């Protein structure tokens, strides 16, 4: 039991760090190819490796209904979320993108109310949502001159759509509760979404530059496949299944900090006291939202039993 807990804590540390570094890797990768192509190739390779691993171990091919739902979730959480985030980083700093993505729990709470109707809006929950949005507002105040740039606004728009899509996909995942191994199912989600994104990028007229070996591009893809998708997601699932949900969700507060610091140190992205403080305020609001949701779950569980 102690060994399992130790491994779970190690997995939590890995996902907290690696998922924060994927913003930097994506930002570097989109210098050389379109964001949808980068995300599509990443997810396709990761999906082939994961599904291939389970099929070679003798796992049965999922039923059509499960595959169709994995396709929907994959499109919502990886195409419309990860793909759009990667695309957005062609226009906005990776740190800013990570901070906006940190508000996903707020969006999940909103869509859970309409799709599941288990969320009770308490004073703590409403306060947390307002504090989180206030923090994001403070960050945008620091980027007011950039908002005059249509490409910057488009990047913000893509990031907001990605947050909403991830939230809806998360709610659907919980609602459907598919009877399939988490990683095996994730492999199909990655494979489906990767094919859709790669095909979309090709139809848009984009391709991978294959005329020569590009160290930055292929280094980015390698890192995103193995450390972002396979190792990162595997660690997240392991931590989620061996630690309390409230503890496993700690990664969401560490990822933006890692992304902001790496963007500042390596890519010379904008960082000052206003941005740093607004980031902490946003994460504080998200923490309050998560705390309120966990309290709701406990109350809901009590009334159900």
C-alpha atoms as a PDB file:
ATOM      1  CA  UNK A   1       0.000   0.000   0.000  1.00  0.00           C
ATOM      2  CA  UNK A   2       2.826   2.360   0.858  1.00  0.00           C
ATOM      3  CA  UNK A   3       4.594   1.523  -2.402  1.00  0.00           C
ATOM      4  CA  UNK A   4       1.381   2.216  -4.340  1.00  0.00           C
ATOM      5  CA  UNK A   5       0.995   5.588  -2.624  1.00  0.00           C
ATOM      6  CA  UNK A   6       4.647   6.438  -3.272  1.00  0.00           C
ATOM      7  CA  UNK A   7       4.251   5.605  -6.963  1.00  0.00           C
ATOM      8  CA  UNK A   8       1.029   7.625  -7.110  1.00  0.00           C
ATOM      9  CA  UNK A   9       2.755  10.682  -5.641  1.00  0.00           C
ATOM     10  CA  UNK A  10       5.612  10.254  -8.116  1.00  0.00           C
ATOM     11  CA  UNK A  11       3.059  10.031 -10.943  1.00  0.00           C
ATOM     12  CA  UNK A  12       1.421  13.234  -9.699  1.00  0.00           C
ATOM     13  CA  UNK A  13       4.776  15.023  -9.722  1.00  0.00           C
ATOM     14  CA  UNK A  14       5.425  13.804 -13.271  1.00  0.00           C
ATOM     15  CA  UNK A  15       2.087  14.980 -14.667  1.00  0.00           C
ATOM     16  CA  UNK A  16       2.349  18.289 -12.802  1.00  0.00           C
ATOM     17  CA  UNK A  17       5.700  19.033 -14.427  1.00  0.00           C
ATOM     18  CA  UNK A  18       5.416  17.383 -17.849  1.00  0.00           C
ATOM     19  CA  UNK A  19       1.974  18.761 -18.725  1.00  0.00           C
ATOM     20  CA  UNK A  20       3.281  22.200 -17.854  1.00  0.00           C
ATOM     21  CA  UNK A  21       6.246  21.771 -20.192  1.00  0.00           C
ATOM     22  CA  UNK A  22       4.067  20.715 -23.153  1.00  0.00           C
ATOM     23  CA  UNK A  23       3.058  24.362 -23.671  1.00  0.00           C
ATOM     24  CA  UNK A  24       6.696  25.220 -24.317  1.00  0.00           C
ATOM     25  CA  UNK A  25       7.136  22.214 -26.638  1.00  0.00           C
ATOM     26  CA  UNK A  26       3.992  23.140 -28.588  1.00  0.00           C
ATOM     27  CA  UNK A  27       5.024  26.779 -28.841  1.00  0.00           C
ATOM     28  CA  UNK A  28       8.360  25.689 -30.335  1.00  0.00           C
ATOM     29  CA  UNK A  29       6.705  23.187 -32.683  1.00  0.00           C
ATOM     30  CA  UNK A  30       4.249  25.684 -34.194  1.00  0.00           C
ATOM     31  CA  UNK A  31       7.192  27.761 -35.376  1.00  0.00           C
ATOM     32  CA  UNK A  32       7.663  25.142 -38.100  1.00  0.00           C
ATOM     33  CA  UNK A  33       4.194  23.739 -38.901  1.00  0.00           C
ATOM     34  CA  UNK A  34       0.522  24.533 -38.364  1.00  0.00           C
ATOM     35  CA  UNK A  35      -0.857  23.854 -34.882  1.00  0.00           C
ATOM     36  CA  UNK A  36      -3.483  21.368 -36.106  1.00  0.00           C
ATOM     37  CA  UNK A  37      -0.840  19.419 -38.018  1.00  0.00           C
ATOM     38  CA  UNK A  38       1.456  19.349 -34.983  1.00  0.00           C
ATOM     39  CA  UNK A  39      -1.343  18.206 -32.653  1.00  0.00           C
ATOM     40  CA  UNK A  40      -2.647  15.746 -35.242  1.00  0.00           C
ATOM     41  CA  UNK A  41       0.698  14.023 -35.780  1.00  0.00           C
ATOM     42  CA  UNK A  42       1.299  13.967 -32.027  1.00  0.00           C
ATOM     43  CA  UNK A  43      -2.031  12.327 -31.210  1.00  0.00           C
ATOM     44  CA  UNK A  44      -1.928   9.908 -34.153  1.00  0.00           C
ATOM     45  CA  UNK A  45       1.490   8.535 -33.172  1.00  0.00           C
ATOM     46  CA  UNK A  46       0.543   8.340 -29.484  1.00  0.00           C
ATOM     47  CA  UNK A  47      -2.774   6.682 -30.365  1.00  0.00           C
ATOM     48  CA  UNK A  48      -1.121   4.034 -32.555  1.00  0.00           C
ATOM     49  CA  UNK A  49       1.426   3.233 -29.842  1.00  0.00           C
ATOM     50  CA  UNK A  50      -1.156   3.001 -27.036  1.00  0.00           C
ATOM     51  CA  UNK A  51      -3.836   1.019 -28.890  1.00  0.00           C
ATOM     52  CA  UNK A  52      -1.169  -1.214 -30.443  1.00  0.00           C
ATOM     53  CA  UNK A  53       0.248  -1.970 -26.990  1.00  0.00           C
ATOM     54  CA  UNK A  54      -3.133  -3.116 -25.640  1.00  0.00           C
ATOM     55  CA  UNK A  55      -4.097  -5.056 -28.777  1.00  0.00           C
ATOM     56  CA  UNK A  56      -0.781  -6.928 -28.662  1.00  0.00           C
ATOM     57  CA  UNK A  57      -1.539  -7.794 -25.031  1.00  0.00           C
ATOM     58  CA  UNK A  58      -4.762  -9.493 -26.160  1.00  0.00           C
ATOM     59  CA  UNK A  59      -7.344  -6.791 -25.433  1.00  0.00           C
ATOM     60  CA  UNK A  60     -10.525  -7.161 -27.482  1.00  0.00           C
ATOM     61  CA  UNK A  61     -11.550  -4.512 -29.989  1.00  0.00           C
ATOM     62  CA  UNK A  62     -14.210  -2.274 -28.337  1.00  0.00           C
ATOM     63  CA  UNK A  63     -17.873  -2.470 -29.392  1.00  0.00           C
ATOM     64  CA  UNK A  64     -19.242   0.020 -31.924  1.00  0.00           C
ATOM     65  CA  UNK A  65     -21.184   2.034 -29.325  1.00  0.00           C
ATOM     66  CA  UNK A  66     -18.050   2.454 -27.196  1.00  0.00           C
ATOM     67  CA  UNK A  67     -15.936   3.370 -30.223  1.00  0.00           C
ATOM     68  CA  UNK A  68     -18.502   5.966 -31.338  1.00  0.00           C
ATOM     69  CA  UNK A  69     -18.499   7.584 -27.907  1.00  0.00           C
ATOM     70  CA  UNK A  70     -14.702   7.488 -27.731  1.00  0.00           C
ATOM     71  CA  UNK A  71     -14.732   9.274 -31.092  1.00  0.00           C
ATOM     72  CA  UNK A  72     -17.036  12.011 -29.773  1.00  0.00           C
ATOM     73  CA  UNK A  73     -14.999  12.470 -26.583  1.00  0.00           C
ATOM     74  CA  UNK A  74     -11.753  12.434 -28.556  1.00  0.00           C
ATOM     75  CA  UNK A  75     -13.006  15.130 -30.913  1.00  0.00           C
ATOM     76  CA  UNK A  76     -14.237  17.299 -28.024  1.00  0.00           C
ATOM     77  CA  UNK A  77     -11.211  16.884 -25.724  1.00  0.00           C
ATOM     78  CA  UNK A  78      -8.365  16.520 -28.191  1.00  0.00           C
ATOM     79  CA  UNK A  79      -9.404  18.024 -31.555  1.00  0.00           C
ATOM     80  CA  UNK A  80     -11.498  20.910 -30.233  1.00  0.00           C
ATOM     81  CA  UNK A  81      -9.329  21.364 -27.142  1.00  0.00           C
ATOM     82  CA  UNK A  82      -5.720  20.227 -27.546  1.00  0.00           C
ATOM     83  CA  UNK A  83      -5.757  20.944 -31.280  1.00  0.00           C
ATOM     84  CA  UNK A  84      -7.135  24.459 -30.905  1.00  0.00           C
ATOM     85  CA  UNK A  85      -4.778  25.213 -28.013  1.00  0.00           C
ATOM     86  CA  UNK A  86      -1.799  24.189 -30.149  1.00  0.00           C
ATOM     87  CA  UNK A  87      -3.128  26.322 -32.997  1.00  0.00           C
ATOM     88  CA  UNK A  88      -3.666  29.255 -30.625  1.00  0.00           C
ATOM     89  CA  UNK A  89      -0.011  29.196 -29.604  1.00  0.00           C
ATOM     90  CA  UNK A  90       0.880  30.424 -33.072  1.00  0.00           C
ATOM     91  CA  UNK A  91      -0.615  33.755 -31.977  1.00  0.00           C
ATOM     92  CA  UNK A  92      -0.411  34.055 -28.165  1.00  0.00           C
ATOM     93  CA  UNK A  93       2.297  33.301 -25.554  1.00  0.00           C
ATOM     94  CA  UNK A  94       2.357  29.780 -24.118  1.00  0.00           C
ATOM     95  CA  UNK A  95       2.154  31.088 -20.548  1.00  0.00           C
ATOM     96  CA  UNK A  96      -0.977  33.134 -21.265  1.00  0.00           C
ATOM     97  CA  UNK A  97      -2.544  30.120 -22.941  1.00  0.00           C
ATOM     98  CA  UNK A  98      -1.792  27.931 -19.892  1.00  0.00           C
ATOM     99  CA  UNK A  99      -3.364  30.445 -17.491  1.00  0.00           C
ATOM    100  CA  UNK A 100      -6.577  30.626 -19.531  1.00  0.00           C
ATOM    101  CA  UNK A 101      -6.685  26.813 -19.697  1.00  0.00           C
ATOM    102  CA  UNK A 102      -6.403  26.752 -15.888  1.00  0.00           C
ATOM    103  CA  UNK A 103     -10.009  28.052 -15.758  1.00  0.00           C
ATOM    104  CA  UNK A 104     -11.320  24.735 -17.168  1.00  0.00           C
ATOM    105  CA  UNK A 105     -12.727  23.614 -13.764  1.00  0.00           C
ATOM    106  CA  UNK A 106     -14.976  26.685 -13.829  1.00  0.00           C
ATOM    107  CA  UNK A 107     -16.318  25.690 -17.247  1.00  0.00           C
ATOM    108  CA  UNK A 108     -16.754  22.080 -16.118  1.00  0.00           C
ATOM    109  CA  UNK A 109     -18.823  23.302 -13.169  1.00  0.00           C
ATOM    110  CA  UNK A 110     -21.063  25.345 -15.460  1.00  0.00           C
ATOM    111  CA  UNK A 111     -21.667  22.529 -17.955  1.00  0.00           C
ATOM    112  CA  UNK A 112     -22.102  19.946 -15.180  1.00  0.00           C
ATOM    113  CA  UNK A 113     -24.997  22.043 -13.904  1.00  0.00           C
ATOM    114  CA  UNK A 114     -26.783  21.975 -17.263  1.00  0.00           C
ATOM    115  CA  UNK A 115     -25.867  18.435 -18.400  1.00  0.00           C
ATOM    116  CA  UNK A 116     -25.716  16.510 -15.116  1.00  0.00           C
ATOM    117  CA  UNK A 117     -27.484  18.860 -12.672  1.00  0.00           C
ATOM    118  CA  UNK A 118     -25.550  17.761  -9.607  1.00  0.00           C
ATOM    119  CA  UNK A 119     -23.787  21.050  -9.016  1.00  0.00           C
ATOM    120  CA  UNK A 120     -25.159  23.228  -6.258  1.00  0.00           C
ATOM    121  CA  UNK A 121     -24.191  26.877  -6.589  1.00  0.00           C
ATOM    122  CA  UNK A 122     -22.936  27.857  -3.136  1.00  0.00           C
ATOM    123  CA  UNK A 123     -21.410  31.140  -1.998  1.00  0.00           C
ATOM    124  CA  UNK A 124     -17.946  29.542  -2.061  1.00  0.00           C
ATOM    125  CA  UNK A 125     -18.477  28.259  -5.620  1.00  0.00           C
ATOM    126  CA  UNK A 126     -19.741  31.587  -6.962  1.00  0.00           C
ATOM    127  CA  UNK A 127     -16.955  33.475  -5.172  1.00  0.00           C
ATOM    128  CA  UNK A 128     -14.336  31.135  -6.622  1.00  0.00           C
ATOM    129  CA  UNK A 129     -15.693  31.602 -10.140  1.00  0.00           C
ATOM    130  CA  UNK A 130     -15.660  35.390  -9.758  1.00  0.00           C
ATOM    131  CA  UNK A 131     -12.140  35.397  -8.287  1.00  0.00           C
ATOM    132  CA  UNK A 132     -10.884  33.160 -11.109  1.00  0.00           C
ATOM    133  CA  UNK A 133     -12.394  35.397 -13.772  1.00  0.00           C
ATOM    134  CA  UNK A 134     -11.010  38.463 -11.987  1.00  0.00           C
ATOM    135  CA  UNK A 135      -7.532  36.952 -12.200  1.00  0.00           C
ATOM    136  CA  UNK A 136      -7.926  36.332 -15.927  1.00  0.00           C
ATOM    137  CA  UNK A 137      -9.150  39.917 -16.293  1.00  0.00           C
ATOM    138  CA  UNK A 138      -5.981  41.145 -14.587  1.00  0.00           C
ATOM    139  CA  UNK A 139      -3.873  39.203 -17.071  1.00  0.00           C
ATOM    140  CA  UNK A 140      -5.771  40.675 -20.015  1.00  0.00           C
ATOM    141  CA  UNK A 141      -5.231  44.140 -18.558  1.00  0.00           C
ATOM    142  CA  UNK A 142      -1.526  43.492 -18.965  1.00  0.00           C
ATOM    143  CA  UNK A 143      -2.110  42.504 -22.604  1.00  0.00           C
ATOM    144  CA  UNK A 144      -4.440  45.380 -23.577  1.00  0.00           C
ATOM    145  CA  UNK A 145      -2.137  46.681 -26.356  1.00  0.00           C
ATOM    146  CA  UNK A 146      -1.958  43.174 -27.857  1.00  0.00           C
ATOM    147  CA  UNK A 147      -5.753  42.948 -28.087  1.00  0.00           C
ATOM    148  CA  UNK A 148      -5.598  45.419 -30.985  1.00  0.00           C
ATOM    149  CA  UNK A 149      -3.915  42.654 -33.005  1.00  0.00           C
ATOM    150  CA  UNK A 150      -6.563  40.475 -34.762  1.00  0.00           C
ATOM    151  CA  UNK A 151      -4.267  37.428 -34.682  1.00  0.00           C
ATOM    152  CA  UNK A 152      -3.868  37.805 -30.904  1.00  0.00           C
ATOM    153  CA  UNK A 153      -7.661  38.029 -30.498  1.00  0.00           C
ATOM    154  CA  UNK A 154      -8.063  34.941 -32.688  1.00  0.00           C
ATOM    155  CA  UNK A 155      -5.620  33.051 -30.453  1.00  0.00           C
ATOM    156  CA  UNK A 156      -7.619  34.032 -27.361  1.00  0.00           C
ATOM    157  CA  UNK A 157     -10.835  32.932 -29.103  1.00  0.00           C
ATOM    158  CA  UNK A 158      -9.345  29.529 -29.974  1.00  0.00           C
ATOM    159  CA  UNK A 159      -8.181  29.050 -26.375  1.00  0.00           C
ATOM    160  CA  UNK A 160     -11.616  29.875 -24.937  1.00  0.00           C
ATOM    161  CA  UNK A 161     -13.304  27.451 -27.352  1.00  0.00           C
ATOM    162  CA  UNK A 162     -10.777  24.786 -26.337  1.00  0.00           C
ATOM    163  CA  UNK A 163     -11.619  25.285 -22.636  1.00  0.00           C
ATOM    164  CA  UNK A 164     -15.342  24.925 -23.312  1.00  0.00           C
ATOM    165  CA  UNK A 165     -14.772  21.829 -25.469  1.00  0.00           C
ATOM    166  CA  UNK A 166     -12.588  20.162 -22.831  1.00  0.00           C
ATOM    167  CA  UNK A 167     -15.228  20.888 -20.193  1.00  0.00           C
ATOM    168  CA  UNK A 168     -18.042  19.379 -22.279  1.00  0.00           C
ATOM    169  CA  UNK A 169     -15.880  16.357 -23.120  1.00  0.00           C
ATOM    170  CA  UNK A 170     -15.054  15.875 -19.417  1.00  0.00           C
ATOM    171  CA  UNK A 171     -18.748  15.998 -18.475  1.00  0.00           C
ATOM    172  CA  UNK A 172     -19.631  13.498 -21.225  1.00  0.00           C
ATOM    173  CA  UNK A 173     -16.822  11.203 -20.049  1.00  0.00           C
ATOM    174  CA  UNK A 174     -18.246  11.187 -16.521  1.00  0.00           C
ATOM    175  CA  UNK A 175     -21.827  10.834 -17.759  1.00  0.00           C
ATOM    176  CA  UNK A 176     -21.173   7.906 -20.111  1.00  0.00           C
ATOM    177  CA  UNK A 177     -18.718   6.069 -17.794  1.00  0.00           C
ATOM    178  CA  UNK A 178     -17.504   3.774 -20.586  1.00  0.00           C
ATOM    179  CA  UNK A 179     -16.563   0.238 -19.542  1.00  0.00           C
ATOM    180  CA  UNK A 180     -13.061   0.239 -20.987  1.00  0.00           C
ATOM    181  CA  UNK A 181      -9.526   0.504 -19.648  1.00  0.00           C
ATOM    182  CA  UNK A 182      -8.731   4.215 -19.256  1.00  0.00           C
ATOM    183  CA  UNK A 183      -5.483   4.109 -21.211  1.00  0.00           C
ATOM    184  CA  UNK A 184      -6.873   1.807 -23.898  1.00  0.00           C
ATOM    185  CA  UNK A 185      -9.797   4.183 -24.373  1.00  0.00           C
ATOM    186  CA  UNK A 186      -7.452   7.178 -24.371  1.00  0.00           C
ATOM    187  CA  UNK A 187      -5.446   5.494 -27.124  1.00  0.00           C
ATOM    188  CA  UNK A 188      -8.509   5.359 -29.375  1.00  0.00           C
ATOM    189  CA  UNK A 189      -9.377   8.968 -28.510  1.00  0.00           C
ATOM    190  CA  UNK A 190      -5.867  10.031 -29.502  1.00  0.00           C
ATOM    191  CA  UNK A 191      -5.952   7.960 -32.698  1.00  0.00           C
ATOM    192  CA  UNK A 192      -9.372   9.238 -33.816  1.00  0.00           C
ATOM    193  CA  UNK A 193      -8.610  12.863 -33.000  1.00  0.00           C
ATOM    194  CA  UNK A 194      -5.162  12.650 -34.577  1.00  0.00           C
ATOM    195  CA  UNK A 195      -6.587  11.380 -37.874  1.00  0.00           C
ATOM    196  CA  UNK A 196      -9.271  14.101 -37.874  1.00  0.00           C
ATOM    197  CA  UNK A 197      -6.781  16.904 -37.109  1.00  0.00           C
ATOM    198  CA  UNK A 198      -4.160  15.707 -39.581  1.00  0.00           C
ATOM    199  CA  UNK A 199      -6.791  15.330 -42.301  1.00  0.00           C
ATOM    200  CA  UNK A 200      -8.214  18.778 -41.526  1.00  0.00           C
ATOM    201  CA  UNK A 201      -4.754  20.369 -41.671  1.00  0.00           C
ATOM    202  CA  UNK A 202      -4.075  18.717 -45.043  1.00  0.00           C
ATOM    203  CA  UNK A 203      -7.415  19.971 -46.406  1.00  0.00           C
ATOM    204  CA  UNK A 204      -6.454  23.456 -45.206  1.00  0.00           C
ATOM    205  CA  UNK A 205      -3.298  23.164 -47.304  1.00  0.00           C
ATOM    206  CA  UNK A 206      -0.746  22.504 -44.543  1.00  0.00           C
ATOM    207  CA  UNK A 207       1.833  19.745 -44.295  1.00  0.00           C
ATOM    208  CA  UNK A 208       4.893  18.680 -42.338  1.00  0.00           C
ATOM    209  CA  UNK A 209       8.179  20.045 -43.749  1.00  0.00           C
ATOM    210  CA  UNK A 210       9.783  16.769 -44.790  1.00  0.00           C
ATOM    211  CA  UNK A 211      12.413  18.201 -47.119  1.00  0.00           C
ATOM    212  CA  UNK A 212      15.005  18.045 -44.364  1.00  0.00           C
ATOM    213  CA  UNK A 213      15.439  17.047 -40.737  1.00  0.00           C
ATOM    214  CA  UNK A 214      14.158  19.857 -38.521  1.00  0.00           C
ATOM    215  CA  UNK A 215      15.548  19.280 -35.029  1.00  0.00           C
ATOM    216  CA  UNK A 216      13.166  21.667 -33.279  1.00  0.00           C
ATOM    217  CA  UNK A 217      10.028  20.300 -34.971  1.00  0.00           C
ATOM    218  CA  UNK A 218      10.763  16.605 -34.517  1.00  0.00           C
ATOM    219  CA  UNK A 219      12.097  17.200 -31.021  1.00  0.00           C
ATOM    220  CA  UNK A 220       8.806  18.906 -30.202  1.00  0.00           C
ATOM    221  CA  UNK A 221       6.775  16.018 -31.661  1.00  0.00           C
ATOM    222  CA  UNK A 222       8.866  13.394 -29.840  1.00  0.00           C
ATOM    223  CA  UNK A 223       8.503  15.249 -26.548  1.00  0.00           C
ATOM    224  CA  UNK A 224       4.753  15.781 -26.947  1.00  0.00           C
ATOM    225  CA  UNK A 225       4.133  12.128 -27.893  1.00  0.00           C
ATOM    226  CA  UNK A 226       6.141  10.441 -25.163  1.00  0.00           C
ATOM    227  CA  UNK A 227       6.237  12.945 -22.302  1.00  0.00           C
ATOM    228  CA  UNK A 228       2.968  14.767 -22.978  1.00  0.00           C
ATOM    229  CA  UNK A 229       0.589  12.082 -24.248  1.00  0.00           C
ATOM    230  CA  UNK A 230       1.901   8.661 -23.155  1.00  0.00           C
ATOM    231  CA  UNK A 231       3.880   9.280 -19.954  1.00  0.00           C
ATOM    232  CA  UNK A 232       1.871  12.356 -18.924  1.00  0.00           C
ATOM    233  CA  UNK A 233      -1.573  10.839 -19.434  1.00  0.00           C
ATOM    234  CA  UNK A 234      -0.555   7.459 -17.969  1.00  0.00           C
ATOM    235  CA  UNK A 235       0.752   9.213 -14.867  1.00  0.00           C
ATOM    236  CA  UNK A 236      -2.449  11.248 -14.591  1.00  0.00           C
ATOM    237  CA  UNK A 237      -4.684   8.152 -14.788  1.00  0.00           C
ATOM    238  CA  UNK A 238      -2.513   6.288 -12.259  1.00  0.00           C
ATOM    239  CA  UNK A 239      -2.585   9.226  -9.823  1.00  0.00           C
ATOM    240  CA  UNK A 240      -6.348   9.657 -10.299  1.00  0.00           C
ATOM    241  CA  UNK A 241      -6.965   5.999  -9.458  1.00  0.00           C
ATOM    242  CA  UNK A 242      -4.680   5.870  -6.416  1.00  0.00           C
ATOM    243  CA  UNK A 243      -5.105   9.292  -4.796  1.00  0.00           C
ATOM    244  CA  UNK A 244      -8.132  11.369  -3.725  1.00  0.00           C
ATOM    245  CA  UNK A 245      -9.499  13.396  -6.645  1.00  0.00           C
ATOM    246  CA  UNK A 246      -8.897  16.655  -4.770  1.00  0.00           C
ATOM    247  CA  UNK A 247      -5.217  15.748  -4.383  1.00  0.00           C
ATOM    248  CA  UNK A 248      -4.806  14.437  -7.947  1.00  0.00           C
ATOM    249  CA  UNK A 249      -6.173  17.745  -9.269  1.00  0.00           C
ATOM    250  CA  UNK A 250      -3.175  19.603  -7.788  1.00  0.00           C
ATOM    251  CA  UNK A 251      -1.480  19.296 -11.187  1.00  0.00           C
ATOM    252  CA  UNK A 252      -3.901  21.917 -12.546  1.00  0.00           C
ATOM    253  CA  UNK A 253      -2.362  24.550 -10.249  1.00  0.00           C
ATOM    254  CA  UNK A 254       1.235  23.635 -11.016  1.00  0.00           C
ATOM    255  CA  UNK A 255       0.985  23.344 -14.834  1.00  0.00           C
ATOM    256  CA  UNK A 256       0.333  27.082 -15.478  1.00  0.00           C
ATOM    257  CA  UNK A 257       3.173  28.130 -13.180  1.00  0.00           C
ATOM    258  CA  UNK A 258       5.585  25.767 -14.968  1.00  0.00           C
ATOM    259  CA  UNK A 259       4.372  27.009 -18.379  1.00  0.00           C
ATOM    260  CA  UNK A 260       4.645  30.701 -17.442  1.00  0.00           C
ATOM    261  CA  UNK A 261       8.148  30.327 -15.988  1.00  0.00           C
ATOM    262  CA  UNK A 262       9.451  28.272 -18.928  1.00  0.00           C
ATOM    263  CA  UNK A 263       7.934  30.688 -21.426  1.00  0.00           C
ATOM    264  CA  UNK A 264       9.635  33.559 -19.627  1.00  0.00           C
ATOM    265  CA  UNK A 265      13.011  31.832 -19.183  1.00  0.00           C
ATOM    266  CA  UNK A 266      13.362  30.159 -22.597  1.00  0.00           C
ATOM    267  CA  UNK A 267      11.127  32.093 -24.992  1.00  0.00           C
ATOM    268  CA  UNK A 268      11.449  35.509 -23.296  1.00  0.00           C
ATOM    269  CA  UNK A 269       7.668  35.773 -22.964  1.00  0.00           C
ATOM    270  CA  UNK A 270       6.150  38.670 -21.037  1.00  0.00           C
ATOM    271  CA  UNK A 271       6.158  38.303 -17.239  1.00  0.00           C
ATOM    272  CA  UNK A 272       5.865  40.995 -14.589  1.00  0.00           C
ATOM    273  CA  UNK A 273       4.297  41.394 -11.157  1.00  0.00           C
ATOM    274  CA  UNK A 274       0.837  42.053 -12.612  1.00  0.00           C
ATOM    275  CA  UNK A 275       0.905  38.841 -14.657  1.00  0.00           C
ATOM    276  CA  UNK A 276       2.361  36.805 -11.789  1.00  0.00           C
ATOM    277  CA  UNK A 277      -0.170  38.092  -9.250  1.00  0.00           C
ATOM    278  CA  UNK A 278      -3.078  37.654 -11.684  1.00  0.00           C
ATOM    279  CA  UNK A 279      -1.948  34.078 -12.309  1.00  0.00           C
ATOM    280  CA  UNK A 280      -2.015  33.338  -8.566  1.00  0.00           C
ATOM    281  CA  UNK A 281      -5.432  35.005  -8.202  1.00  0.00           C
ATOM    282  CA  UNK A 282      -6.788  32.864 -11.067  1.00  0.00           C
ATOM    283  CA  UNK A 283      -5.430  29.676  -9.507  1.00  0.00           C
ATOM    284  CA  UNK A 284      -6.840  30.732  -6.130  1.00  0.00           C
ATOM    285  CA  UNK A 285     -10.285  31.092  -7.691  1.00  0.00           C
ATOM    286  CA  UNK A 286      -9.988  27.694  -9.377  1.00  0.00           C
ATOM    287  CA  UNK A 287      -8.960  26.170  -6.032  1.00  0.00           C
ATOM    288  CA  UNK A 288     -12.090  27.606  -4.392  1.00  0.00           C
ATOM    289  CA  UNK A 289     -14.239  26.195  -7.197  1.00  0.00           C
ATOM    290  CA  UNK A 290     -12.693  22.740  -6.811  1.00  0.00           C
ATOM    291  CA  UNK A 291     -13.127  22.865  -3.035  1.00  0.00           C
ATOM    292  CA  UNK A 292     -16.800  23.826  -3.409  1.00  0.00           C
ATOM    293  CA  UNK A 293     -17.391  21.061  -5.982  1.00  0.00           C
ATOM    294  CA  UNK A 294     -15.764  18.457  -3.712  1.00  0.00           C
ATOM    295  CA  UNK A 295     -18.021  19.558  -0.857  1.00  0.00           C
ATOM    296  CA  UNK A 296     -21.029  19.224  -3.161  1.00  0.00           C
ATOM    297  CA  UNK A 297     -19.957  15.701  -4.114  1.00  0.00           C
ATOM    298  CA  UNK A 298     -19.707  14.685  -0.464  1.00  0.00           C
ATOM    299  CA  UNK A 299     -23.144  16.114   0.281  1.00  0.00           C
ATOM    300  CA  UNK A 300     -24.584  14.454  -2.835  1.00  0.00           C
ATOM    301  CA  UNK A 301     -23.068  11.123  -1.907  1.00  0.00           C
ATOM    302  CA  UNK A 302     -24.505  11.377   1.602  1.00  0.00           C
ATOM    303  CA  UNK A 303     -28.021  12.113   0.393  1.00  0.00           C
ATOM    304  CA  UNK A 304     -27.855   9.271  -2.156  1.00  0.00           C
ATOM    305  CA  UNK A 305     -26.906   6.652   0.443  1.00  0.00           C
END
